[in-house]
Amino acid sequence: MPEKRVAIYTLGCKVNQYESAALGGLFQERGYRVVGFGEDAGVYVINTCTVTHHADRKSRQIIRRAARANPKALIVVTGCYAQTSPDEALKIPGVDLVLGTKNRAGLVDLVESAVKGRNPLNAVSEYMNGDEFEEILAVPLQERSRAFLKVQEGCSNYCTYCIVPGARGPMRSRRPEMVIEAARQMVAAGFKEIVITGIRTGAYGQDLGGDVTLAGLLSHLSGLPGLARLRLSSIEPSDITHELVETISGLENFCRHLHVPLQSGDDEVLASMGRRYNTWEYFRLAKVLRENIPGLGLTTDVMVGFPGETEENFLNTYKFIEKVSFSGLHVFKFSPRRGTPAAVLKNQIEPQVKEGRSRMLIQLGKALSARYASQHFGKVLDVLVEQRFQDEGSLYEGLTDNYIRVVFPGCEDLRGKIVKVKTTRQKDAILEGNIIT
């Protein structure tokens, strides 16, 4: 019997990374070998993103690439682009199955019942109020250093630019006992760090009632034997409570890094975006976090070119980012998404203006990251080794708990281990050094 092989390509966020890994686990349990996307396979799964027009375009490019690579293979499109634009995905030549972000526990069954060349199947289901968190009972297949653990799904914030509520549905939280069991399995599989992720992670537990909170969940997870690090992937400013700050500041293995989306440093733009805070509240939050978590790495998302953003609005954002002094920025340009209020706002910004503002903030972000890294130059840092650096055999790279990238030489396979590195050089935001014993 020929070997069953599946290749999975992931676009977008850490939630997608978790889901692709979990889907890989499902395929493996059914006898498939999960291979790289550039390898020959009988099934290609593209887990798509739709947060911007660029993400849509990239999703379509990867789908077409898979269809060209092996015309006889079954092509499966899943994820957010599939959920919001199933008819568009079905029209791409070579696509056999479209399944959005719901009912993916049955993906392997759908794949094995599909026949190449038949009419493409649209298996996308709409979300309904009362939907519960969907369990995918498989240990994710990832590198044995860091595992993403999805604990929450959906969002009800409805920021005016965001299509995610339509792509992911209403808020649903994973039952605490299921989260803890999944985490135990990850630690047993060799993962040293678990990254808690979700669409709106900070809202975890709000739909479960009782005293279920993100702070309580983190406390339970932190005590798991063998778990060296516990990290949050991203959390909304309005979801960071006093209880959460007090909890994470007292957990010894909680990583000193938080990613807290800003989106804009101008109050007028924030209000137009439908964000639930102003710059004063955000600055105060950053101050509280740093006071309670010494050495905190604070990174953020920021959007340029939101409709109506004037030069003054943009400069306010630039100055505010300098004032907060983030340790890293993720900069992206506003992209109108069909069905969102911002898509039909007047005063849309010209692409060249967006591009210029984006370049300015990217340069600022690089400078801030380098400055933050310099504060740790010459110190001995604990580094979780991820992989070889740029495929060089003698160099490895990894991350500190506060999200500084460190490169160092090693003579054995160190992936998945935590080592102590004395930093001796700096190149931009990357520190270099040598392992000490």
Protein backbone atom coordinates (compact mmCIF):
# COMPACT_ATOMS: atom_id res chain seq x y z
CA MET A 1 0.00 0.00 0.00
CA PRO A 2 1.48 3.42 -0.97
CA GLU A 3 2.35 5.79 1.85
CA LYS A 4 -0.29 8.42 2.63
CA ARG A 5 1.34 11.85 2.70
CA VAL A 6 -0.11 15.25 3.59
CA ALA A 7 1.51 18.69 3.40
CA ILE A 8 0.12 21.65 5.34
CA TYR A 9 0.84 25.33 4.66
CA THR A 10 -0.04 27.94 7.29
CA LEU A 11 -0.69 31.63 6.72
CA GLY A 12 -1.47 34.22 9.38
CA CYS A 13 -1.59 34.22 13.14
CA LYS A 14 -0.47 31.94 15.96
CA VAL A 15 -4.00 30.54 16.22
CA ASN A 16 -3.62 29.27 12.67
CA GLN A 17 -0.23 27.81 13.58
CA TYR A 18 -1.80 25.91 16.45
CA GLU A 19 -4.68 24.68 14.28
CA SER A 20 -2.39 23.51 11.49
CA ALA A 21 -0.32 21.58 14.00
CA ALA A 22 -3.45 20.02 15.49
CA LEU A 23 -4.73 19.08 12.02
CA GLY A 24 -1.35 17.51 11.32
CA GLY A 25 -1.86 15.44 14.46
CA LEU A 26 -5.26 14.27 13.19
CA PHE A 27 -3.78 13.17 9.88
CA GLN A 28 -0.92 11.37 11.63
CA GLU A 29 -3.34 9.46 13.84
CA ARG A 30 -5.03 8.21 10.65
CA GLY A 31 -1.79 6.87 9.22
CA TYR A 32 -0.60 9.86 7.18
CA ARG A 33 2.94 11.11 7.11
CA VAL A 34 3.11 14.91 7.46
CA VAL A 35 5.73 16.28 5.04
CA GLY A 36 7.05 19.70 4.08
CA PHE A 37 4.97 21.76 1.70
CA GLY A 38 7.67 21.59 -0.95
CA GLU A 39 7.58 17.78 -0.94
CA ASP A 40 5.39 15.46 -2.97
CA ALA A 41 2.09 14.63 -1.22
CA GLY A 42 -1.30 13.22 -2.03
CA VAL A 43 -3.08 15.91 0.00
CA TYR A 44 -2.21 19.59 0.32
CA VAL A 45 -3.95 21.59 3.04
CA ILE A 46 -3.71 25.39 2.90
CA ASN A 47 -4.74 27.05 6.17
CA THR A 48 -5.56 30.56 5.00
CA CYS A 49 -5.73 34.08 6.44
CA THR A 50 -7.97 36.99 5.46
CA VAL A 51 -6.92 39.81 7.78
CA THR A 52 -5.77 41.96 4.82
CA HIS A 53 -6.06 41.99 1.01
CA HIS A 54 -2.42 40.89 0.94
CA ALA A 55 -3.33 37.84 3.07
CA ASP A 56 -6.13 36.95 0.64
CA ARG A 57 -3.78 37.27 -2.32
CA LYS A 58 -1.07 35.23 -0.62
CA SER A 59 -3.62 32.52 0.20
CA ARG A 60 -4.67 32.28 -3.45
CA GLN A 61 -1.04 32.16 -4.58
CA ILE A 62 -0.23 29.25 -2.29
CA ILE A 63 -3.36 27.35 -3.37
CA ARG A 64 -2.39 27.71 -7.04
CA ARG A 65 1.20 26.71 -6.26
CA ALA A 66 0.04 23.47 -4.65
CA ALA A 67 -2.26 22.67 -7.58
CA ARG A 68 0.61 23.18 -10.05
CA ALA A 69 3.07 21.16 -7.99
CA ASN A 70 0.96 18.01 -8.10
CA PRO A 71 -2.15 18.13 -10.32
CA LYS A 72 -3.21 14.71 -9.06
CA ALA A 73 -3.18 15.73 -5.39
CA LEU A 74 -6.27 16.63 -3.40
CA ILE A 75 -6.23 20.38 -2.65
CA VAL A 76 -7.96 21.46 0.58
CA VAL A 77 -8.55 25.11 1.51
CA THR A 78 -9.37 25.88 5.13
CA GLY A 79 -9.08 28.81 7.55
CA CYS A 80 -10.39 32.37 7.59
CA TYR A 81 -10.25 33.11 3.84
CA ALA A 82 -12.16 29.87 3.22
CA GLN A 83 -14.75 30.85 5.84
CA THR A 84 -15.42 34.35 4.51
CA SER A 85 -14.96 33.72 0.76
CA PRO A 86 -15.81 30.06 0.07
CA ASP A 87 -17.21 30.66 -3.42
CA GLU A 88 -14.06 32.54 -4.42
CA ALA A 89 -11.88 29.72 -3.11
CA LEU A 90 -13.93 27.09 -4.93
CA LYS A 91 -13.33 28.82 -8.28
CA ILE A 92 -9.55 28.44 -8.04
CA PRO A 93 -8.54 25.66 -10.47
CA GLY A 94 -7.52 22.48 -8.71
CA VAL A 95 -9.38 23.05 -5.44
CA ASP A 96 -11.33 19.98 -4.29
CA LEU A 97 -12.54 20.85 -0.79
CA VAL A 98 -13.22 24.09 1.08
CA LEU A 99 -13.69 23.95 4.86
CA GLY A 100 -13.65 27.17 6.90
CA THR A 101 -12.89 27.57 10.58
CA LYS A 102 -15.71 25.37 11.89
CA ASN A 103 -16.12 21.56 12.12
CA ARG A 104 -12.48 20.86 11.32
CA ALA A 105 -12.32 17.83 13.58
CA GLY A 106 -13.91 15.97 10.65
CA LEU A 107 -11.39 17.14 8.05
CA VAL A 108 -9.69 13.78 7.54
CA ASP A 109 -13.06 12.06 6.98
CA LEU A 110 -13.93 14.68 4.34
CA VAL A 111 -10.56 14.22 2.67
CA GLU A 112 -10.87 10.46 2.50
CA SER A 113 -14.38 10.64 1.03
CA ALA A 114 -13.37 13.18 -1.62
CA VAL A 115 -12.42 12.16 -5.14
CA LYS A 116 -10.05 14.20 -7.30
CA GLY A 117 -11.85 15.69 -10.29
CA ARG A 118 -15.36 15.70 -8.84
CA ASN A 119 -17.18 18.97 -8.33
CA PRO A 120 -15.43 20.86 -5.52
CA LEU A 121 -17.15 20.45 -2.16
CA ASN A 122 -18.12 23.49 -0.08
CA ALA A 123 -18.15 22.21 3.52
CA VAL A 124 -18.20 25.67 5.15
CA SER A 125 -20.69 26.04 8.03
CA GLU A 126 -22.01 29.31 9.40
CA TYR A 127 -21.53 30.20 13.05
CA MET A 128 -24.50 30.33 15.39
CA ASN A 129 -25.02 31.80 18.83
CA GLY A 130 -24.52 29.03 21.34
CA ASP A 131 -21.71 27.31 19.43
CA GLU A 132 -19.14 25.79 21.76
CA PHE A 133 -15.38 25.56 21.49
CA GLU A 134 -14.48 22.80 19.04
CA GLU A 135 -12.07 20.24 20.42
CA ILE A 136 -9.51 18.71 18.08
CA LEU A 137 -8.25 15.75 20.05
CA ALA A 138 -4.72 15.46 18.75
CA VAL A 139 -1.33 16.47 20.11
CA PRO A 140 0.02 19.21 17.82
CA LEU A 141 3.07 18.36 15.73
CA GLN A 142 5.61 21.13 16.29
CA GLU A 143 9.26 21.63 17.06
CA ARG A 144 10.04 20.30 20.52
CA SER A 145 10.67 23.67 22.10
CA ARG A 146 7.54 25.80 21.87
CA ALA A 147 3.92 24.69 21.51
CA PHE A 148 0.91 26.90 20.84
CA LEU A 149 -2.13 26.04 22.92
CA LYS A 150 -5.43 27.51 21.77
CA VAL A 151 -7.77 28.20 24.68
CA GLN A 152 -10.32 30.58 23.16
CA GLU A 153 -12.07 31.23 19.87
CA GLY A 154 -14.06 34.11 18.37
CA CYS A 155 -14.47 37.80 19.18
CA SER A 156 -17.29 40.23 19.88
CA ASN A 157 -15.35 43.50 19.89
CA TYR A 158 -16.27 44.41 16.30
CA CYS A 159 -13.52 46.93 15.67
CA THR A 160 -14.58 48.83 12.58
CA TYR A 161 -11.72 47.54 10.39
CA CYS A 162 -11.77 43.89 11.45
CA ILE A 163 -13.31 40.92 9.65
CA VAL A 164 -12.32 38.40 12.32
CA PRO A 165 -15.75 38.20 14.07
CA GLY A 166 -17.21 37.07 10.74
CA ALA A 167 -14.39 34.61 10.13
CA ARG A 168 -14.27 33.17 13.64
CA GLY A 169 -17.75 33.60 15.10
CA PRO A 170 -18.82 34.42 18.65
CA MET A 171 -16.58 34.03 21.69
CA ARG A 172 -16.12 30.46 22.94
CA SER A 173 -13.74 29.30 25.64
CA ARG A 174 -12.17 25.88 26.01
CA ARG A 175 -13.08 24.04 29.20
CA PRO A 176 -10.29 24.43 31.79
CA GLU A 177 -9.95 20.68 32.27
CA MET A 178 -9.45 20.22 28.51
CA VAL A 179 -6.81 22.97 28.41
CA ILE A 180 -4.90 21.45 31.30
CA GLU A 181 -5.03 17.96 29.80
CA ALA A 182 -3.78 19.27 26.44
CA ALA A 183 -0.96 21.10 28.21
CA ARG A 184 0.02 17.93 30.07
CA GLN A 185 0.23 16.07 26.77
CA MET A 186 2.41 18.81 25.29
CA VAL A 187 4.84 18.71 28.20
CA ALA A 188 4.94 14.91 28.01
CA ALA A 189 5.75 15.20 24.29
CA GLY A 190 8.82 17.26 25.12
CA PHE A 191 7.72 20.86 24.76
CA LYS A 192 9.57 23.23 27.10
CA GLU A 193 7.39 26.27 26.49
CA ILE A 194 3.64 26.63 25.99
CA VAL A 195 2.22 29.75 24.34
CA ILE A 196 -1.39 30.44 25.26
CA THR A 197 -3.27 31.76 22.25
CA GLY A 198 -6.75 32.62 21.06
CA ILE A 199 -8.60 35.12 18.94
CA ARG A 200 -9.35 37.24 22.01
CA THR A 201 -7.34 35.41 24.64
CA GLY A 202 -7.99 37.89 27.44
CA ALA A 203 -11.72 37.19 27.27
CA TYR A 204 -11.12 33.56 28.22
CA GLY A 205 -13.82 32.23 30.56
CA GLN A 206 -16.34 35.03 30.11
CA ASP A 207 -18.75 32.68 28.36
CA LEU A 208 -18.27 29.80 30.83
CA GLY A 209 -19.68 31.52 33.90
CA GLY A 210 -18.61 30.99 37.48
CA ASP A 211 -15.10 32.01 38.45
CA VAL A 212 -13.30 30.81 35.30
CA THR A 213 -10.73 33.45 34.27
CA LEU A 214 -7.53 33.65 32.28
CA ALA A 215 -5.63 34.45 35.47
CA GLY A 216 -6.92 31.30 37.15
CA LEU A 217 -6.11 29.20 34.10
CA LEU A 218 -2.54 30.50 33.96
CA SER A 219 -2.08 29.73 37.65
CA HIS A 220 -3.09 26.10 37.09
CA LEU A 221 -0.93 25.72 33.98
CA SER A 222 2.10 27.28 35.63
CA GLY A 223 2.21 24.47 38.18
CA LEU A 224 2.46 21.65 35.64
CA PRO A 225 5.58 19.55 36.39
CA GLY A 226 8.16 19.88 33.63
CA LEU A 227 6.82 23.12 32.13
CA ALA A 228 9.77 25.51 31.94
CA ARG A 229 7.99 28.48 30.36
CA LEU A 230 4.44 29.78 30.00
CA ARG A 231 3.76 32.64 27.57
CA LEU A 232 0.79 34.68 26.33
CA SER A 233 0.71 35.31 22.57
CA SER A 234 -1.40 38.50 22.47
CA ILE A 235 -3.91 40.24 24.71
CA GLU A 236 -6.16 43.25 24.26
CA PRO A 237 -5.46 46.25 26.54
CA SER A 238 -9.04 46.29 27.82
CA ASP A 239 -8.73 42.63 28.88
CA ILE A 240 -5.74 43.12 31.19
CA THR A 241 -7.19 43.16 34.70
CA HIS A 242 -5.60 43.81 38.09
CA GLU A 243 -6.10 40.11 38.86
CA LEU A 244 -4.21 39.11 35.72
CA VAL A 245 -1.28 41.46 36.38
CA GLU A 246 -1.02 40.29 39.99
CA THR A 247 -1.16 36.65 38.91
CA ILE A 248 1.42 36.69 36.12
CA SER A 249 3.84 38.83 38.12
CA GLY A 250 3.92 36.08 40.75
CA LEU A 251 4.42 33.09 38.42
CA GLU A 252 8.09 32.09 38.26
CA ASN A 253 7.87 30.42 34.85
CA PHE A 254 5.70 33.07 33.17
CA CYS A 255 7.63 34.79 30.39
CA ARG A 256 8.34 38.47 30.87
CA HIS A 257 6.85 39.42 27.54
CA LEU A 258 3.41 40.70 26.56
CA HIS A 259 2.09 41.60 23.13
CA VAL A 260 -0.58 44.26 23.64
CA PRO A 261 -2.07 45.68 20.40
CA LEU A 262 -2.13 49.48 20.19
CA GLN A 263 -3.29 50.02 16.56
CA SER A 264 -2.99 53.81 16.82
CA GLY A 265 -1.41 56.36 19.12
CA ASP A 266 -4.03 58.99 18.31
CA ASP A 267 -7.29 59.20 20.25
CA GLU A 268 -9.34 60.40 17.28
CA VAL A 269 -8.25 57.42 15.17
CA LEU A 270 -8.74 54.99 18.06
CA ALA A 271 -12.34 56.16 18.46
CA SER A 272 -12.98 55.77 14.72
CA MET A 273 -11.51 52.26 14.89
CA GLY A 274 -13.92 51.32 17.67
CA ARG A 275 -11.08 50.53 20.08
CA ARG A 276 -12.03 50.42 23.76
CA TYR A 277 -9.30 52.61 25.27
CA ASN A 278 -7.51 55.89 24.71
CA THR A 279 -3.81 56.72 24.70
CA TRP A 280 -3.81 57.86 28.32
CA GLU A 281 -5.27 54.54 29.44
CA TYR A 282 -2.80 52.59 27.30
CA PHE A 283 0.19 54.53 28.64
CA ARG A 284 -0.97 54.01 32.22
CA LEU A 285 -1.36 50.27 31.54
CA ALA A 286 2.18 50.04 30.13
CA LYS A 287 3.50 51.79 33.24
CA VAL A 288 1.64 49.38 35.56
CA LEU A 289 2.90 46.35 33.64
CA ARG A 290 6.51 47.47 33.82
CA GLU A 291 6.25 48.31 37.49
CA ASN A 292 4.96 44.82 38.27
CA ILE A 293 7.07 42.82 35.78
CA PRO A 294 10.69 44.07 35.81
CA GLY A 295 12.50 43.62 32.50
CA LEU A 296 9.21 43.21 30.61
CA GLY A 297 9.40 43.03 26.83
CA LEU A 298 6.36 44.92 25.55
CA THR A 299 5.53 44.53 21.85
CA THR A 300 2.55 45.75 19.89
CA ASP A 301 0.60 45.97 16.63
CA VAL A 302 0.13 49.34 14.95
CA MET A 303 -1.89 50.20 11.85
CA VAL A 304 -1.16 53.01 9.43
CA GLY A 305 -3.46 54.57 6.85
CA PHE A 306 -6.79 54.10 8.61
CA PRO A 307 -9.45 56.15 6.73
CA GLY A 308 -9.20 59.81 7.68
CA GLU A 309 -5.77 59.46 9.34
CA THR A 310 -4.18 62.89 8.87
CA GLU A 311 -0.48 63.65 8.98
CA GLU A 312 -1.03 65.04 12.48
CA ASN A 313 -2.80 61.83 13.56
CA PHE A 314 0.10 59.77 12.24
CA LEU A 315 2.73 61.94 13.93
CA ASN A 316 0.81 61.57 17.21
CA THR A 317 1.11 57.79 16.76
CA TYR A 318 4.83 58.04 16.02
CA LYS A 319 5.47 60.16 19.11
CA PHE A 320 3.32 57.94 21.32
CA ILE A 321 5.24 54.83 20.25
CA GLU A 322 8.48 56.61 21.15
CA LYS A 323 6.98 57.61 24.50
CA VAL A 324 5.90 54.07 25.40
CA SER A 325 9.25 52.75 24.10
CA PHE A 326 8.07 49.34 22.95
CA SER A 327 10.56 46.52 22.54
CA GLY A 328 9.12 45.60 19.14
CA LEU A 329 6.49 46.66 16.59
CA HIS A 330 4.36 44.78 14.10
CA VAL A 331 3.39 47.41 11.53
CA PHE A 332 0.68 46.85 8.95
CA LYS A 333 -1.26 49.00 6.51
CA PHE A 334 -5.03 49.40 6.67
CA SER A 335 -6.77 47.09 4.23
CA PRO A 336 -10.51 47.57 3.58
CA ARG A 337 -12.38 44.35 4.24
CA ARG A 338 -15.75 43.87 2.60
CA GLY A 339 -18.55 43.96 5.17
CA THR A 340 -16.72 46.07 7.75
CA PRO A 341 -17.71 49.69 8.56
CA ALA A 342 -14.23 51.05 7.83
CA ALA A 343 -14.35 49.74 4.26
CA VAL A 344 -16.96 52.36 3.32
CA LEU A 345 -15.61 55.30 5.31
CA LYS A 346 -14.72 58.43 3.40
CA ASN A 347 -11.17 59.79 3.16
CA GLN A 348 -9.48 56.50 2.30
CA ILE A 349 -5.70 56.97 2.37
CA GLU A 350 -3.64 56.72 -0.83
CA PRO A 351 -1.42 53.61 -1.05
CA GLN A 352 1.79 55.62 -1.37
CA VAL A 353 0.97 57.55 1.81
CA LYS A 354 0.34 54.27 3.67
CA GLU A 355 3.63 52.91 2.36
CA GLY A 356 5.59 55.94 3.51
CA ARG A 357 4.08 55.88 6.99
CA SER A 358 4.65 52.15 7.24
CA ARG A 359 8.35 52.53 6.40
CA MET A 360 8.75 55.23 9.05
CA LEU A 361 7.25 53.05 11.78
CA ILE A 362 9.18 49.96 10.69
CA GLN A 363 12.42 51.92 11.04
CA LEU A 364 11.32 53.22 14.43
CA GLY A 365 10.46 49.67 15.50
CA LYS A 366 13.92 48.42 14.51
CA ALA A 367 15.56 51.18 16.52
CA LEU A 368 13.41 50.46 19.58
CA SER A 369 14.11 46.72 19.36
CA ALA A 370 17.85 47.33 19.14
CA ARG A 371 17.71 49.70 22.11
CA TYR A 372 15.82 47.15 24.20
CA ALA A 373 18.27 44.40 23.28
CA SER A 374 21.20 46.64 24.22
CA GLN A 375 19.86 46.81 27.78
CA HIS A 376 20.67 43.07 28.06
CA PHE A 377 24.07 43.21 26.38
CA GLY A 378 26.85 41.65 28.45
CA LYS A 379 24.44 39.67 30.62
CA VAL A 380 23.97 35.92 31.02
CA LEU A 381 20.60 35.03 29.50
CA ASP A 382 18.49 31.88 29.57
CA VAL A 383 17.73 30.96 25.95
CA LEU A 384 15.27 28.38 24.66
CA VAL A 385 16.99 26.96 21.56
CA GLU A 386 14.72 26.89 18.52
CA GLN A 387 16.77 26.00 15.44
CA ARG A 388 20.01 26.40 13.58
CA PHE A 389 20.72 30.00 12.64
CA GLN A 390 20.21 30.58 8.90
CA ASP A 391 20.89 26.87 8.30
CA GLU A 392 24.48 27.27 9.51
CA GLY A 393 25.60 24.03 11.13
CA SER A 394 27.58 25.51 13.99
CA LEU A 395 25.23 28.34 15.01
CA TYR A 396 21.93 28.14 16.87
CA GLU A 397 19.29 30.72 17.70
CA GLY A 398 16.62 31.01 20.33
CA LEU A 399 14.58 33.39 22.46
CA THR A 400 14.88 34.68 25.98
CA ASP A 401 11.72 34.73 28.06
CA ASN A 402 11.35 38.47 27.31
CA TYR A 403 11.56 37.85 23.57
CA ILE A 404 15.12 38.79 22.65
CA ARG A 405 16.67 36.73 19.88
CA VAL A 406 20.10 35.31 20.71
CA VAL A 407 22.59 33.56 18.39
CA PHE A 408 25.47 31.38 19.63
CA PRO A 409 27.69 28.47 18.52
CA GLY A 410 27.06 24.89 19.60
CA CYS A 411 28.64 21.54 18.79
CA GLU A 412 25.59 19.32 19.41
CA ASP A 413 21.89 19.34 18.64
CA LEU A 414 20.58 21.82 21.20
CA ARG A 415 17.06 22.30 19.84
CA GLY A 416 14.45 22.31 22.59
CA LYS A 417 16.96 22.87 25.39
CA ILE A 418 17.33 25.91 27.63
CA VAL A 419 20.93 27.08 27.81
CA LYS A 420 22.76 29.98 29.45
CA VAL A 421 24.42 32.36 27.04
CA LYS A 422 26.82 35.17 27.93
CA THR A 423 26.19 37.90 25.35
CA THR A 424 29.30 39.49 23.89
CA ARG A 425 28.15 41.13 20.65
CA GLN A 426 25.09 42.86 19.24
CA LYS A 427 23.86 43.16 15.65
CA ASP A 428 20.74 45.33 15.46
CA ALA A 429 18.13 43.63 17.68
CA ILE A 430 20.00 40.29 17.84
CA LEU A 431 22.44 39.48 20.62
CA GLU A 432 25.33 37.09 20.04
CA GLY A 433 27.37 35.20 22.59
CA ASN A 434 28.61 31.89 23.91
CA ILE A 435 27.16 29.15 26.06
CA ILE A 436 28.45 29.01 29.62
CA THR A 437 28.20 26.03 31.97
